[in-house]
């Protein structure tokens, strides 16, 4: 019994570290998904630059700042289950020029997901 317990903790730690490292890597598909989410279904909104103004990558989330025709949208993407599962992206907030129909925050009902 002690042998099993002695190996369980190090193996679990290695798995968690591996998942965290995998989540921190750049993912072009996730960035493209975040770019689509920046405007969502809003009419008159266009992403003005193909690349984000700022990127933050961590084991638990990725954040992208996109310049849109309506201002700067901050898109946050997280895994569905902490370190695993599909990515879910939503606009966290709009920094500048938020549209009148959605002041300060984009509705959560447009949240989208992308499979890993």
C-alpha atoms as a PDB file:
ATOM      1  CA  UNK A   1       0.000   0.000   0.000  1.00  0.00           C
ATOM      2  CA  UNK A   2       2.813   2.449   0.824  1.00  0.00           C
ATOM      3  CA  UNK A   3       4.342   1.805  -2.596  1.00  0.00           C
ATOM      4  CA  UNK A   4       1.187   2.876  -4.376  1.00  0.00           C
ATOM      5  CA  UNK A   5       0.798   5.959  -2.206  1.00  0.00           C
ATOM      6  CA  UNK A   6       4.469   6.824  -2.724  1.00  0.00           C
ATOM      7  CA  UNK A   7       4.062   6.925  -6.520  1.00  0.00           C
ATOM      8  CA  UNK A   8       0.624   8.502  -6.702  1.00  0.00           C
ATOM      9  CA  UNK A   9       1.573  12.014  -5.600  1.00  0.00           C
ATOM     10  CA  UNK A  10       4.617  12.414  -7.915  1.00  0.00           C
ATOM     11  CA  UNK A  11       2.711  10.994 -10.902  1.00  0.00           C
ATOM     12  CA  UNK A  12      -0.280  13.263 -10.234  1.00  0.00           C
ATOM     13  CA  UNK A  13       2.045  16.267  -9.907  1.00  0.00           C
ATOM     14  CA  UNK A  14       3.727  15.443 -13.228  1.00  0.00           C
ATOM     15  CA  UNK A  15       0.356  15.119 -14.965  1.00  0.00           C
ATOM     16  CA  UNK A  16      -0.821  18.489 -13.600  1.00  0.00           C
ATOM     17  CA  UNK A  17       2.445  20.189 -14.598  1.00  0.00           C
ATOM     18  CA  UNK A  18       2.190  18.668 -18.083  1.00  0.00           C
ATOM     19  CA  UNK A  19      -1.374  19.934 -18.498  1.00  0.00           C
ATOM     20  CA  UNK A  20      -0.354  23.400 -17.309  1.00  0.00           C
ATOM     21  CA  UNK A  21       2.562  23.546 -19.747  1.00  0.00           C
ATOM     22  CA  UNK A  22       0.308  22.384 -22.594  1.00  0.00           C
ATOM     23  CA  UNK A  23      -2.242  25.112 -21.800  1.00  0.00           C
ATOM     24  CA  UNK A  24       0.409  27.874 -21.843  1.00  0.00           C
ATOM     25  CA  UNK A  25       1.496  27.120 -25.400  1.00  0.00           C
ATOM     26  CA  UNK A  26       0.443  29.415 -28.254  1.00  0.00           C
ATOM     27  CA  UNK A  27      -2.572  28.001 -30.081  1.00  0.00           C
ATOM     28  CA  UNK A  28      -3.388  29.555 -33.478  1.00  0.00           C
ATOM     29  CA  UNK A  29      -6.856  27.948 -33.519  1.00  0.00           C
ATOM     30  CA  UNK A  30      -7.687  29.403 -30.110  1.00  0.00           C
ATOM     31  CA  UNK A  31      -6.438  32.840 -31.187  1.00  0.00           C
ATOM     32  CA  UNK A  32      -8.633  32.675 -34.306  1.00  0.00           C
ATOM     33  CA  UNK A  33     -11.599  31.643 -32.146  1.00  0.00           C
ATOM     34  CA  UNK A  34     -10.921  34.566 -29.774  1.00  0.00           C
ATOM     35  CA  UNK A  35     -10.743  36.929 -32.783  1.00  0.00           C
ATOM     36  CA  UNK A  36     -14.208  35.752 -33.910  1.00  0.00           C
ATOM     37  CA  UNK A  37     -15.554  36.173 -30.388  1.00  0.00           C
ATOM     38  CA  UNK A  38     -14.257  39.769 -30.112  1.00  0.00           C
ATOM     39  CA  UNK A  39     -17.148  41.096 -32.212  1.00  0.00           C
ATOM     40  CA  UNK A  40     -19.585  38.227 -32.084  1.00  0.00           C
ATOM     41  CA  UNK A  41     -22.914  38.859 -33.789  1.00  0.00           C
ATOM     42  CA  UNK A  42     -22.875  42.647 -33.339  1.00  0.00           C
ATOM     43  CA  UNK A  43     -23.562  44.520 -36.552  1.00  0.00           C
ATOM     44  CA  UNK A  44     -21.014  47.093 -37.584  1.00  0.00           C
ATOM     45  CA  UNK A  45     -18.225  45.483 -35.572  1.00  0.00           C
ATOM     46  CA  UNK A  46     -15.072  44.515 -37.415  1.00  0.00           C
ATOM     47  CA  UNK A  47     -11.741  43.340 -35.977  1.00  0.00           C
ATOM     48  CA  UNK A  48      -9.311  45.939 -37.338  1.00  0.00           C
ATOM     49  CA  UNK A  49      -6.023  44.062 -36.812  1.00  0.00           C
ATOM     50  CA  UNK A  50      -5.444  40.367 -37.522  1.00  0.00           C
ATOM     51  CA  UNK A  51      -3.102  40.088 -34.534  1.00  0.00           C
ATOM     52  CA  UNK A  52      -4.049  40.915 -30.933  1.00  0.00           C
ATOM     53  CA  UNK A  53      -2.770  44.107 -29.324  1.00  0.00           C
ATOM     54  CA  UNK A  54      -1.810  42.113 -26.220  1.00  0.00           C
ATOM     55  CA  UNK A  55      -1.671  38.419 -25.336  1.00  0.00           C
ATOM     56  CA  UNK A  56      -1.514  36.838 -21.875  1.00  0.00           C
ATOM     57  CA  UNK A  57      -1.123  33.066 -21.695  1.00  0.00           C
ATOM     58  CA  UNK A  58      -1.302  31.063 -18.511  1.00  0.00           C
ATOM     59  CA  UNK A  59      -2.127  27.514 -17.478  1.00  0.00           C
ATOM     60  CA  UNK A  60      -5.730  28.452 -16.607  1.00  0.00           C
ATOM     61  CA  UNK A  61      -6.638  31.133 -19.168  1.00  0.00           C
ATOM     62  CA  UNK A  62      -5.589  33.054 -22.249  1.00  0.00           C
ATOM     63  CA  UNK A  63      -6.482  36.740 -22.648  1.00  0.00           C
ATOM     64  CA  UNK A  64      -6.374  38.661 -25.906  1.00  0.00           C
ATOM     65  CA  UNK A  65      -6.931  42.367 -26.560  1.00  0.00           C
ATOM     66  CA  UNK A  66      -8.351  43.016 -30.035  1.00  0.00           C
ATOM     67  CA  UNK A  67      -8.843  46.405 -31.657  1.00  0.00           C
ATOM     68  CA  UNK A  68     -12.329  46.467 -33.153  1.00  0.00           C
ATOM     69  CA  UNK A  69     -14.278  49.174 -34.934  1.00  0.00           C
ATOM     70  CA  UNK A  70     -16.219  49.659 -31.661  1.00  0.00           C
ATOM     71  CA  UNK A  71     -13.189  49.833 -29.350  1.00  0.00           C
ATOM     72  CA  UNK A  72     -10.795  47.387 -27.720  1.00  0.00           C
ATOM     73  CA  UNK A  73     -12.369  44.077 -26.718  1.00  0.00           C
ATOM     74  CA  UNK A  74     -10.695  41.945 -24.049  1.00  0.00           C
ATOM     75  CA  UNK A  75     -11.425  38.291 -24.818  1.00  0.00           C
ATOM     76  CA  UNK A  76     -10.793  35.695 -22.125  1.00  0.00           C
ATOM     77  CA  UNK A  77     -10.609  31.981 -22.919  1.00  0.00           C
ATOM     78  CA  UNK A  78     -10.664  29.258 -20.262  1.00  0.00           C
ATOM     79  CA  UNK A  79     -10.802  25.486 -20.304  1.00  0.00           C
ATOM     80  CA  UNK A  80     -14.175  24.018 -19.429  1.00  0.00           C
ATOM     81  CA  UNK A  81     -12.769  21.920 -16.556  1.00  0.00           C
ATOM     82  CA  UNK A  82      -9.818  23.789 -15.016  1.00  0.00           C
ATOM     83  CA  UNK A  83      -6.924  22.275 -17.039  1.00  0.00           C
ATOM     84  CA  UNK A  84      -8.819  20.053 -19.501  1.00  0.00           C
ATOM     85  CA  UNK A  85     -11.787  20.187 -21.845  1.00  0.00           C
ATOM     86  CA  UNK A  86     -12.712  22.507 -24.672  1.00  0.00           C
ATOM     87  CA  UNK A  87     -11.775  26.185 -24.526  1.00  0.00           C
ATOM     88  CA  UNK A  88     -14.619  28.633 -23.844  1.00  0.00           C
ATOM     89  CA  UNK A  89     -14.158  32.236 -24.903  1.00  0.00           C
ATOM     90  CA  UNK A  90     -16.144  35.326 -24.028  1.00  0.00           C
ATOM     91  CA  UNK A  91     -15.613  39.067 -24.121  1.00  0.00           C
ATOM     92  CA  UNK A  92     -14.569  40.061 -20.631  1.00  0.00           C
ATOM     93  CA  UNK A  93     -14.955  43.791 -21.126  1.00  0.00           C
ATOM     94  CA  UNK A  94     -14.645  46.523 -23.667  1.00  0.00           C
ATOM     95  CA  UNK A  95     -11.991  49.087 -22.883  1.00  0.00           C
ATOM     96  CA  UNK A  96     -12.848  51.944 -25.214  1.00  0.00           C
ATOM     97  CA  UNK A  97     -15.942  52.898 -27.134  1.00  0.00           C
ATOM     98  CA  UNK A  98     -18.375  50.303 -25.782  1.00  0.00           C
ATOM     99  CA  UNK A  99     -21.530  50.293 -27.910  1.00  0.00           C
ATOM    100  CA  UNK A 100     -24.656  51.915 -26.465  1.00  0.00           C
ATOM    101  CA  UNK A 101     -26.641  48.667 -26.512  1.00  0.00           C
ATOM    102  CA  UNK A 102     -24.041  46.817 -24.390  1.00  0.00           C
ATOM    103  CA  UNK A 103     -22.267  49.326 -22.145  1.00  0.00           C
ATOM    104  CA  UNK A 104     -19.182  47.993 -20.431  1.00  0.00           C
ATOM    105  CA  UNK A 105     -19.724  44.258 -20.901  1.00  0.00           C
ATOM    106  CA  UNK A 106     -20.644  41.928 -23.702  1.00  0.00           C
ATOM    107  CA  UNK A 107     -23.567  39.575 -22.980  1.00  0.00           C
ATOM    108  CA  UNK A 108     -22.527  36.164 -21.675  1.00  0.00           C
ATOM    109  CA  UNK A 109     -25.004  34.348 -23.923  1.00  0.00           C
ATOM    110  CA  UNK A 110     -22.642  34.603 -26.906  1.00  0.00           C
ATOM    111  CA  UNK A 111     -19.932  32.582 -25.173  1.00  0.00           C
ATOM    112  CA  UNK A 112     -18.485  30.064 -27.611  1.00  0.00           C
ATOM    113  CA  UNK A 113     -16.277  27.031 -27.255  1.00  0.00           C
ATOM    114  CA  UNK A 114     -13.587  25.379 -29.340  1.00  0.00           C
ATOM    115  CA  UNK A 115     -12.596  21.728 -29.048  1.00  0.00           C
ATOM    116  CA  UNK A 116      -8.919  21.014 -28.221  1.00  0.00           C
END
